[in-house]
Amino acid sequence: MQPTKKKGLVLSLLTMGAIQQAMAAHPLVTDDAYTQGTGNNQLEINSDRISERDGGKETAGDVTYSYGVVDNVDLMVDQPMTVSAPRGLGDASIALKWRFFDSDDTKLALKPVWTLGTANDEKGFGNGRSNLGLTFIATHEIGRWALHYNLGAATNRFASQAQQDENRRMLWATSAAATYALTPQLKAVGDIGVRRNDETDNRKNPAFALTGLIYSPTPDLDLDAGIRFGLNKAEIKNQIGFGITARF
């Protein structure tokens, strides 16, 4: 794998091609249909250690800020980064989460995402062009269980013509997750998903499974840990991550 593609792989793990992982509740890839509520804020900081199939290892980080514009609409800003050498910022993104349906146990939302192309694409940290994505989100609650489903699509444009020729212009991703409240403060989580391979010469779509825990010592603070496994050779070998989420 070329160096620029290895760096791009780290960023794709964070953003899933700007389709789904950006701004999902770490360690999950699948987003939920919950919103912050009018005037409320949330800050998420996480880091993941990634082991690739070829033996390479990278450390990626991500910071996400969410603001409740109104009760059912959140504005989000996300900044991915590569923490291990060579270090660099990925393409920042802005998103809106609009919960358009809300019953006692089922919530539906749409999340458009604008990836800004802010990274240095010549060093392999981003695409060099802005991209747009849209994700449909469904959440269903059953007792201690919460089930989540995502289906999304996004453009995949590059400033470099060579990169554009090597990568597909449109990507899709789908995933499903479940959380189970072991106690009022502790949740077990699981996630599984697949996305379209961005490389034009590779028809095998990367698939993953993930498991982890979210511990909430207070209603406004979450501490999480998770491990992700590649289910085929198109996906990374594994990924171990930790995160903290604060609401205020």
Protein backbone atom coordinates (compact mmCIF):
# COMPACT_ATOMS: atom_id res chain seq x y z
CA MET A 1 0.00 0.00 0.00
CA GLN A 2 1.34 3.46 -0.89
CA PRO A 3 2.02 5.87 2.02
CA THR A 4 -0.70 8.30 0.99
CA LYS A 5 -3.25 5.51 0.85
CA LYS A 6 -2.20 4.28 4.31
CA LYS A 7 -2.80 7.74 5.73
CA GLY A 8 -6.09 7.98 3.88
CA LEU A 9 -7.11 4.66 5.44
CA VAL A 10 -6.75 6.14 8.93
CA LEU A 11 -9.01 9.03 8.03
CA SER A 12 -11.58 6.77 6.40
CA LEU A 13 -11.88 4.88 9.68
CA LEU A 14 -12.86 8.11 11.37
CA THR A 15 -15.20 9.43 8.72
CA MET A 16 -16.32 6.32 6.80
CA GLY A 17 -16.06 8.40 3.66
CA ALA A 18 -18.03 11.21 5.38
CA ILE A 19 -21.00 8.86 5.57
CA GLN A 20 -21.42 7.51 9.05
CA GLN A 21 -18.68 7.36 11.66
CA ALA A 22 -18.11 11.10 11.92
CA MET A 23 -19.97 12.24 15.00
CA ALA A 24 -21.34 8.86 16.03
CA ALA A 25 -21.09 8.09 19.76
CA HIS A 26 -17.64 6.55 20.26
CA PRO A 27 -16.78 3.67 20.18
CA LEU A 28 -19.72 3.04 17.84
CA VAL A 29 -19.58 3.60 14.09
CA THR A 30 -23.39 3.65 13.84
CA ASP A 31 -24.98 6.96 14.82
CA ASP A 32 -28.16 7.31 16.89
CA ALA A 33 -31.20 9.56 16.33
CA TYR A 34 -30.86 11.37 19.67
CA THR A 35 -30.25 15.14 19.76
CA GLN A 36 -28.88 17.42 22.48
CA GLY A 37 -31.94 19.62 23.04
CA THR A 38 -32.19 23.39 22.63
CA GLY A 39 -29.10 25.24 23.86
CA ASN A 40 -27.25 22.15 25.08
CA ASN A 41 -23.64 21.35 24.19
CA GLN A 42 -21.60 18.16 23.82
CA LEU A 43 -17.86 17.67 23.36
CA GLU A 44 -16.39 14.30 22.33
CA ILE A 45 -12.67 13.48 22.30
CA ASN A 46 -11.41 10.05 21.32
CA SER A 47 -8.34 8.17 20.12
CA ASP A 48 -7.92 4.86 18.30
CA ARG A 49 -4.88 2.65 17.76
CA ILE A 50 -5.17 0.98 14.36
CA SER A 51 -3.42 -2.22 13.23
CA GLU A 52 -3.39 -2.78 9.48
CA ARG A 53 -3.22 -6.06 7.58
CA ASP A 54 0.32 -5.35 6.40
CA GLY A 55 1.61 -4.90 9.95
CA GLY A 56 1.51 -1.11 9.98
CA LYS A 57 0.13 0.76 12.97
CA GLU A 58 -1.29 4.27 13.32
CA THR A 59 -2.94 6.30 16.05
CA ALA A 60 -5.91 8.43 15.01
CA GLY A 61 -7.81 11.03 17.02
CA ASP A 62 -11.07 12.91 16.67
CA VAL A 63 -12.78 15.90 18.31
CA THR A 64 -16.50 16.60 17.81
CA TYR A 65 -18.57 19.51 19.12
CA SER A 66 -22.40 19.38 18.99
CA TYR A 67 -24.89 22.15 19.75
CA GLY A 68 -28.65 21.81 20.11
CA VAL A 69 -30.06 24.47 17.76
CA VAL A 70 -33.61 23.44 18.61
CA ASP A 71 -34.97 20.39 20.38
CA ASN A 72 -34.77 18.12 17.32
CA VAL A 73 -31.85 19.66 15.39
CA ASP A 74 -28.13 19.53 16.24
CA LEU A 75 -25.29 21.40 14.58
CA MET A 76 -22.00 19.45 14.64
CA VAL A 77 -18.37 20.24 13.83
CA ASP A 78 -15.85 17.40 13.55
CA GLN A 79 -12.05 17.39 13.25
CA PRO A 80 -10.23 14.08 12.64
CA MET A 81 -6.46 13.82 12.92
CA THR A 82 -3.54 11.43 12.67
CA VAL A 83 -1.73 11.48 16.02
CA SER A 84 1.17 9.14 15.22
CA ALA A 85 3.94 10.26 12.85
CA PRO A 86 3.51 11.63 10.30
CA ARG A 87 1.02 13.82 12.21
CA GLY A 88 -1.63 15.93 10.53
CA LEU A 89 -5.20 17.14 10.55
CA GLY A 90 -7.80 15.48 8.36
CA ASP A 91 -10.66 17.14 6.50
CA ALA A 92 -12.93 18.97 8.95
CA SER A 93 -16.67 18.55 8.51
CA ILE A 94 -19.93 20.25 9.44
CA ALA A 95 -23.19 18.34 9.89
CA LEU A 96 -26.81 18.79 10.88
CA LYS A 97 -28.80 16.05 12.57
CA TRP A 98 -32.55 16.51 12.08
CA ARG A 99 -34.83 14.16 14.02
CA PHE A 100 -37.99 14.28 11.92
CA PHE A 101 -39.96 11.52 13.67
CA ASP A 102 -40.24 10.79 17.38
CA SER A 103 -42.56 8.32 19.08
CA ASP A 104 -42.29 6.67 22.49
CA ASP A 105 -39.88 4.00 21.26
CA THR A 106 -38.83 4.91 17.70
CA LYS A 107 -36.88 7.90 16.39
CA LEU A 108 -35.88 8.69 12.79
CA ALA A 109 -33.33 11.28 11.65
CA LEU A 110 -31.43 12.56 8.65
CA LYS A 111 -27.86 13.82 8.86
CA PRO A 112 -26.38 15.80 5.95
CA VAL A 113 -22.58 16.23 6.20
CA TRP A 114 -20.35 18.72 4.42
CA THR A 115 -16.67 17.69 4.44
CA LEU A 116 -14.64 20.83 3.85
CA GLY A 117 -11.43 19.64 2.22
CA THR A 118 -9.31 21.52 4.76
CA ALA A 119 -6.49 18.95 5.06
CA ASN A 120 -3.18 18.86 3.19
CA ASP A 121 -4.05 16.43 0.40
CA GLU A 122 -0.49 16.50 -1.00
CA LYS A 123 0.65 14.77 2.20
CA GLY A 124 -2.26 12.32 2.06
CA PHE A 125 -4.34 13.68 4.96
CA GLY A 126 -7.46 14.51 2.96
CA ASN A 127 -9.12 14.71 -0.45
CA GLY A 128 -8.26 18.31 -1.33
CA ARG A 129 -11.90 18.94 -2.30
CA SER A 130 -15.13 19.30 -0.39
CA ASN A 131 -17.64 16.42 -0.35
CA LEU A 132 -21.26 15.95 0.62
CA GLY A 133 -22.92 13.04 2.41
CA LEU A 134 -26.34 12.10 3.74
CA THR A 135 -27.19 9.42 6.33
CA PHE A 136 -30.58 8.03 7.34
CA ILE A 137 -30.68 7.09 11.03
CA ALA A 138 -33.20 4.92 12.88
CA THR A 139 -33.28 4.26 16.64
CA HIS A 140 -35.63 1.85 18.41
CA GLU A 141 -35.77 1.35 22.19
CA ILE A 142 -36.93 -1.88 23.86
CA GLY A 143 -36.52 -1.92 27.63
CA ARG A 144 -32.79 -1.93 28.37
CA TRP A 145 -32.00 -2.28 24.67
CA ALA A 146 -31.48 0.47 22.11
CA LEU A 147 -31.11 -0.54 18.45
CA HIS A 148 -29.67 1.77 15.79
CA TYR A 149 -29.46 1.52 11.99
CA ASN A 150 -27.67 3.74 9.44
CA LEU A 151 -27.76 3.90 5.65
CA GLY A 152 -25.73 6.60 3.94
CA ALA A 153 -24.11 7.80 0.74
CA ALA A 154 -21.47 10.43 -0.02
CA THR A 155 -19.46 11.91 -2.85
CA ASN A 156 -15.75 11.05 -2.98
CA ARG A 157 -14.03 13.82 -4.96
CA PHE A 158 -10.28 14.48 -5.04
CA ALA A 159 -8.21 17.48 -6.09
CA SER A 160 -5.62 15.16 -7.63
CA GLN A 161 -6.70 13.62 -10.92
CA ALA A 162 -4.51 10.59 -10.22
CA GLN A 163 -6.29 10.03 -6.90
CA GLN A 164 -9.66 10.55 -8.55
CA ASP A 165 -8.85 7.92 -11.17
CA GLU A 166 -7.94 5.41 -8.43
CA ASN A 167 -11.06 6.04 -6.31
CA ARG A 168 -14.79 5.76 -6.84
CA ARG A 169 -16.75 9.02 -6.99
CA MET A 170 -19.68 7.78 -4.91
CA LEU A 171 -19.58 5.72 -1.72
CA TRP A 172 -22.22 4.04 0.42
CA ALA A 173 -22.19 2.53 3.89
CA THR A 174 -24.64 0.70 6.10
CA SER A 175 -24.37 -0.48 9.70
CA ALA A 176 -26.39 -1.55 12.72
CA ALA A 177 -25.64 -1.27 16.43
CA ALA A 178 -27.14 -2.28 19.75
CA THR A 179 -26.61 -1.03 23.30
CA TYR A 180 -27.70 -2.81 26.47
CA ALA A 181 -27.90 -1.14 29.88
CA LEU A 182 -26.12 -3.52 32.28
CA THR A 183 -26.65 -0.98 35.07
CA PRO A 184 -27.90 2.64 35.07
CA GLN A 185 -24.26 3.74 34.59
CA LEU A 186 -22.84 1.00 32.34
CA LYS A 187 -23.78 -0.01 28.78
CA ALA A 188 -22.46 -2.83 26.63
CA VAL A 189 -22.35 -1.95 22.92
CA GLY A 190 -21.98 -3.84 19.66
CA ASP A 191 -21.78 -2.72 16.04
CA ILE A 192 -21.47 -4.30 12.60
CA GLY A 193 -21.29 -2.74 9.16
CA VAL A 194 -20.02 -2.66 5.59
CA ARG A 195 -19.10 0.12 3.19
CA ARG A 196 -18.28 0.39 -0.49
CA ASN A 197 -14.58 0.05 -1.23
CA ASP A 198 -13.30 3.42 -2.40
CA GLU A 199 -10.63 1.88 -4.67
CA THR A 200 -11.85 1.34 -8.24
CA ASP A 201 -9.76 -1.80 -8.72
CA ASN A 202 -11.03 -3.54 -5.57
CA ARG A 203 -14.54 -5.00 -5.45
CA LYS A 204 -14.28 -6.42 -1.93
CA ASN A 205 -16.20 -4.11 0.41
CA PRO A 206 -14.65 -3.55 3.88
CA ALA A 207 -16.74 -5.05 6.70
CA PHE A 208 -16.26 -4.75 10.45
CA ALA A 209 -17.63 -5.81 13.85
CA LEU A 210 -17.14 -3.90 17.09
CA THR A 211 -17.79 -4.38 20.78
CA GLY A 212 -17.23 -2.10 23.77
CA LEU A 213 -18.45 -0.45 26.95
CA ILE A 214 -19.74 3.03 27.83
CA TYR A 215 -19.53 4.07 31.51
CA SER A 216 -21.41 7.16 32.71
CA PRO A 217 -20.32 8.16 36.25
CA THR A 218 -22.66 11.17 35.93
CA PRO A 219 -25.49 11.95 33.48
CA ASP A 220 -23.23 14.49 31.76
CA LEU A 221 -20.07 12.42 31.39
CA ASP A 222 -19.34 9.24 29.38
CA LEU A 223 -16.13 7.21 29.35
CA ASP A 224 -15.86 4.56 26.64
CA ALA A 225 -13.62 1.83 25.30
CA GLY A 226 -14.03 -0.46 22.31
CA ILE A 227 -12.30 -2.89 19.99
CA ARG A 228 -13.08 -3.23 16.31
CA PHE A 229 -12.27 -6.22 14.09
CA GLY A 230 -12.03 -6.43 10.33
CA LEU A 231 -14.30 -9.16 8.94
CA ASN A 232 -12.44 -9.41 5.64
CA LYS A 233 -9.06 -8.49 4.17
CA ALA A 234 -10.38 -5.21 2.75
CA GLU A 235 -10.86 -3.89 6.30
CA ILE A 236 -8.19 -3.12 8.90
CA LYS A 237 -7.03 -5.97 11.14
CA ASN A 238 -8.21 -4.39 14.40
CA GLN A 239 -8.62 -1.10 16.21
CA ILE A 240 -8.64 -0.31 19.94
CA GLY A 241 -10.12 2.99 21.06
CA PHE A 242 -10.91 5.12 24.09
CA GLY A 243 -13.02 8.26 24.41
CA ILE A 244 -14.60 10.82 26.69
CA THR A 245 -17.86 12.72 26.15
CA ALA A 246 -18.95 15.74 28.20
CA ARG A 247 -22.34 17.48 28.04
CA PHE A 248 -22.92 20.98 29.36
